[in-house]
Amino acid sequence: NTHMPMEDGTQAAIREWIWRGATRCIRPLAYLIWVNGLHLVASTLVADLEEYKFSTTALAALEWWQGLGTLVAIAWLLVRIGVTADIALRKIAARSDNDWSEILIPFAGRAVRWVLPLIAILLGAPALAVSSKTEAIVKDATSILLIATLAYVGLQLIHVGTALILQRQQLSVSDNRRARAIYTQVTMLRKIVTSILALIAIASMLMVFE
């Protein structure tokens, strides 16, 4: 029963931040609708003027404008979601007495905040009215950056996790054999996992060019 008020408070905080996140999505979604609606109207008007030479150029410019506007809208939307998730997770972590929650939950929020803008570029790149070669370059570069970001997040997570484990080991006591053994094992495991993660990241980057 002693944990119920905290759980109710956490659930209320989650509902509040979901509502805040939803309201913060209104402007990017409205902008996305406005861009595509204006494009539809303008392209329809220009299509009726196909006998004029400028109509082809105007249609191409409208396609580019729509693609760029869509990319901006998606990026804006996901950035707002990421920022809201980051702030919400920090608030929830502040209510927790658990060491892991206080470290990992805010860390997850930062990871979401970093990754979502890159996902926005990947999702919005096809909307740009560019050549297939340029689109492929943009997607490959973004994919590599996304892999690097995820690898960095993983490395930071490993570092934080091992640091949290090691800080509980008392090396200053007289009988510290068990603590030293744990320290050695955790340090060795961290190096192994870090090396594996680095190899996976490099292999994933190389596979992007296949």
Protein backbone atom coordinates (compact mmCIF):
# COMPACT_ATOMS: atom_id res chain seq x y z
CA ASN A 1 0.00 0.00 0.00
CA THR A 2 2.91 2.33 0.64
CA HIS A 3 3.87 2.19 -3.04
CA MET A 4 0.43 2.96 -4.42
CA PRO A 5 0.59 6.79 -4.13
CA MET A 6 3.91 6.82 -6.00
CA GLU A 7 2.54 4.53 -8.71
CA ASP A 8 -0.57 6.68 -9.04
CA GLY A 9 1.62 9.78 -9.22
CA THR A 10 3.82 8.20 -11.88
CA GLN A 11 0.82 7.11 -13.92
CA ALA A 12 -0.64 10.60 -13.67
CA ALA A 13 2.69 12.08 -14.76
CA ILE A 14 2.83 9.71 -17.73
CA ARG A 15 -0.70 10.66 -18.80
CA GLU A 16 0.16 14.34 -18.42
CA TRP A 17 3.27 14.04 -20.58
CA ILE A 18 1.42 12.00 -23.21
CA TRP A 19 -1.11 14.82 -23.40
CA ARG A 20 1.68 17.41 -23.61
CA GLY A 21 3.38 15.41 -26.35
CA ALA A 22 0.14 15.19 -28.31
CA THR A 23 -0.47 18.93 -28.06
CA ARG A 24 3.12 19.66 -29.13
CA CYS A 25 2.53 17.61 -32.28
CA ILE A 26 -0.32 19.86 -33.43
CA ARG A 27 1.83 22.59 -35.01
CA PRO A 28 4.11 20.27 -37.04
CA LEU A 29 1.09 18.27 -38.25
CA ALA A 30 -0.77 21.48 -39.15
CA TYR A 31 2.30 22.68 -41.04
CA LEU A 32 2.51 19.34 -42.90
CA ILE A 33 -1.15 19.61 -43.91
CA TRP A 34 -0.66 23.24 -44.95
CA VAL A 35 2.36 22.40 -47.11
CA ASN A 36 0.66 19.54 -48.92
CA GLY A 37 -2.63 21.40 -49.28
CA LEU A 38 -0.93 24.45 -50.74
CA HIS A 39 1.07 22.20 -53.06
CA LEU A 40 -2.11 20.53 -54.29
CA VAL A 41 -3.80 23.86 -55.03
CA ALA A 42 -0.74 25.41 -56.67
CA SER A 43 0.09 22.36 -58.79
CA THR A 44 -3.51 22.14 -59.97
CA LEU A 45 -3.44 25.77 -61.07
CA VAL A 46 -0.08 25.38 -62.82
CA ALA A 47 -1.24 22.19 -64.56
CA ASP A 48 -4.04 24.20 -66.18
CA LEU A 49 -1.35 26.44 -67.69
CA GLU A 50 0.52 23.65 -69.42
CA GLU A 51 0.55 25.54 -72.71
CA TYR A 52 3.01 27.99 -71.19
CA LYS A 53 6.72 27.14 -71.12
CA PHE A 54 7.18 27.98 -67.45
CA SER A 55 4.65 25.36 -66.31
CA THR A 56 7.16 22.49 -66.34
CA THR A 57 9.69 24.46 -64.32
CA ALA A 58 6.99 25.65 -61.94
CA LEU A 59 5.75 22.10 -61.35
CA ALA A 60 9.30 20.92 -60.65
CA ALA A 61 9.79 23.79 -58.19
CA LEU A 62 6.51 22.93 -56.46
CA GLU A 63 7.55 19.29 -56.15
CA TRP A 64 10.84 20.36 -54.58
CA TRP A 65 9.07 22.76 -52.23
CA GLN A 66 6.63 20.05 -51.14
CA GLY A 67 9.44 17.58 -50.51
CA LEU A 68 11.45 20.06 -48.49
CA GLY A 69 8.39 21.14 -46.53
CA THR A 70 7.50 17.52 -45.78
CA LEU A 71 11.04 16.82 -44.58
CA VAL A 72 10.98 19.88 -42.31
CA ALA A 73 7.57 18.91 -40.93
CA ILE A 74 8.65 15.33 -40.15
CA ALA A 75 11.88 16.53 -38.54
CA TRP A 76 10.00 19.14 -36.51
CA LEU A 77 7.46 16.55 -35.39
CA LEU A 78 10.00 13.95 -34.31
CA VAL A 79 12.25 16.53 -32.62
CA ARG A 80 9.29 17.71 -30.55
CA ILE A 81 8.41 14.13 -29.65
CA GLY A 82 12.03 13.46 -28.69
CA VAL A 83 12.32 16.58 -26.53
CA THR A 84 9.03 15.81 -24.80
CA ALA A 85 10.07 12.19 -24.16
CA ASP A 86 13.44 13.32 -22.80
CA ILE A 87 11.91 15.82 -20.37
CA ALA A 88 9.18 13.38 -19.32
CA LEU A 89 11.65 10.57 -18.59
CA ARG A 90 13.81 12.94 -16.53
CA LYS A 91 10.78 13.96 -14.48
CA ILE A 92 9.79 10.32 -13.92
CA ALA A 93 13.36 9.38 -12.95
CA ALA A 94 13.43 12.21 -10.40
CA ARG A 95 10.50 10.54 -8.62
CA SER A 96 12.32 7.21 -8.34
CA ASP A 97 14.62 6.10 -5.53
CA ASN A 98 16.27 3.44 -7.70
CA ASP A 99 19.85 4.18 -8.81
CA TRP A 100 19.37 2.38 -12.11
CA SER A 101 16.19 4.32 -12.88
CA GLU A 102 17.83 7.65 -12.05
CA ILE A 103 20.62 6.93 -14.56
CA LEU A 104 19.08 4.77 -17.28
CA ILE A 105 15.73 6.52 -17.72
CA PRO A 106 17.23 9.97 -18.46
CA PHE A 107 19.81 8.24 -20.65
CA ALA A 108 17.00 6.63 -22.65
CA GLY A 109 15.44 10.06 -23.05
CA ARG A 110 18.65 11.52 -24.46
CA ALA A 111 18.99 8.56 -26.82
CA VAL A 112 15.48 9.14 -28.17
CA ARG A 113 16.26 12.83 -28.57
CA TRP A 114 19.38 12.03 -30.63
CA VAL A 115 17.97 9.26 -32.80
CA LEU A 116 14.59 10.70 -33.82
CA PRO A 117 15.97 13.58 -35.95
CA LEU A 118 18.04 11.09 -37.94
CA ILE A 119 14.98 8.91 -38.44
CA ALA A 120 13.18 12.03 -39.67
CA ILE A 121 15.81 12.51 -42.37
CA LEU A 122 15.54 8.87 -43.45
CA LEU A 123 11.74 9.11 -43.64
CA GLY A 124 11.71 12.50 -45.34
CA ALA A 125 14.51 11.99 -47.85
CA PRO A 126 12.29 10.15 -50.39
CA ALA A 127 9.95 13.15 -50.38
CA LEU A 128 12.66 15.42 -51.81
CA ALA A 129 12.43 15.93 -55.53
CA VAL A 130 16.04 15.01 -56.22
CA SER A 131 17.76 12.48 -58.41
CA SER A 132 17.88 8.88 -57.25
CA LYS A 133 21.66 9.14 -56.91
CA THR A 134 21.42 12.17 -54.60
CA GLU A 135 18.67 10.51 -52.58
CA ALA A 136 20.82 7.40 -52.19
CA ILE A 137 23.78 9.50 -50.98
CA VAL A 138 21.61 11.28 -48.42
CA LYS A 139 20.11 8.02 -47.16
CA ASP A 140 23.51 6.30 -46.95
CA ALA A 141 25.08 9.21 -45.10
CA THR A 142 22.14 9.38 -42.69
CA SER A 143 22.21 5.62 -42.16
CA ILE A 144 25.91 5.76 -41.26
CA LEU A 145 25.27 8.65 -38.88
CA LEU A 146 22.38 6.75 -37.31
CA ILE A 147 24.53 3.64 -36.81
CA ALA A 148 27.28 5.77 -35.27
CA THR A 149 24.77 7.43 -32.95
CA LEU A 150 23.31 4.10 -31.83
CA ALA A 151 26.82 2.74 -31.27
CA TYR A 152 27.69 5.79 -29.19
CA VAL A 153 24.50 5.34 -27.17
CA GLY A 154 25.39 1.69 -26.62
CA LEU A 155 28.93 2.54 -25.51
CA GLN A 156 27.63 5.16 -23.10
CA LEU A 157 25.11 2.67 -21.73
CA ILE A 158 27.87 0.12 -21.14
CA HIS A 159 30.02 2.74 -19.42
CA VAL A 160 27.17 3.93 -17.18
CA GLY A 161 26.12 0.39 -16.28
CA THR A 162 29.59 -0.79 -15.36
CA ALA A 163 30.31 2.42 -13.44
CA LEU A 164 27.14 1.90 -11.42
CA ILE A 165 28.19 -1.66 -10.59
CA LEU A 166 31.77 -0.75 -9.72
CA GLN A 167 30.87 2.16 -7.48
CA ARG A 168 29.25 -0.30 -5.09
CA GLN A 169 32.50 -2.19 -4.65
CA GLN A 170 34.59 -1.06 -1.68
CA LEU A 171 38.27 -1.28 -2.63
CA SER A 172 39.41 0.75 0.38
CA VAL A 173 38.53 -1.93 2.97
CA SER A 174 41.19 -4.28 4.31
CA ASP A 175 39.63 -7.46 2.88
CA ASN A 176 38.88 -6.33 -0.65
CA ARG A 177 39.70 -9.51 -2.56
CA ARG A 178 36.10 -10.07 -3.63
CA ALA A 179 35.70 -6.43 -4.66
CA ARG A 180 38.92 -6.54 -6.71
CA ALA A 181 37.81 -9.75 -8.39
CA ILE A 182 34.48 -8.19 -9.34
CA TYR A 183 36.25 -5.03 -10.50
CA THR A 184 38.58 -7.05 -12.74
CA GLN A 185 35.76 -9.17 -14.18
CA VAL A 186 33.49 -6.21 -14.88
CA THR A 187 36.32 -4.21 -16.47
CA MET A 188 37.27 -7.14 -18.70
CA LEU A 189 33.64 -7.74 -19.66
CA ARG A 190 33.23 -4.06 -20.50
CA LYS A 191 36.23 -4.19 -22.85
CA ILE A 192 34.92 -7.32 -24.57
CA VAL A 193 31.40 -5.96 -25.04
CA THR A 194 32.76 -2.61 -26.21
CA SER A 195 34.94 -4.34 -28.82
CA ILE A 196 32.02 -6.45 -30.05
CA LEU A 197 29.76 -3.41 -30.30
CA ALA A 198 32.43 -1.49 -32.23
CA LEU A 199 32.87 -4.38 -34.68
CA ILE A 200 29.11 -4.64 -35.20
CA ALA A 201 28.88 -0.89 -35.84
CA ILE A 202 31.74 -0.94 -38.35
CA ALA A 203 30.28 -3.99 -40.13
CA SER A 204 26.86 -2.32 -40.28
CA MET A 205 28.39 0.82 -41.78
CA LEU A 206 30.17 -1.22 -44.44
CA MET A 207 26.94 -3.04 -45.30
CA VAL A 208 25.30 0.30 -46.10
CA PHE A 209 27.44 0.56 -49.23
CA GLU A 210 26.49 -2.86 -50.56
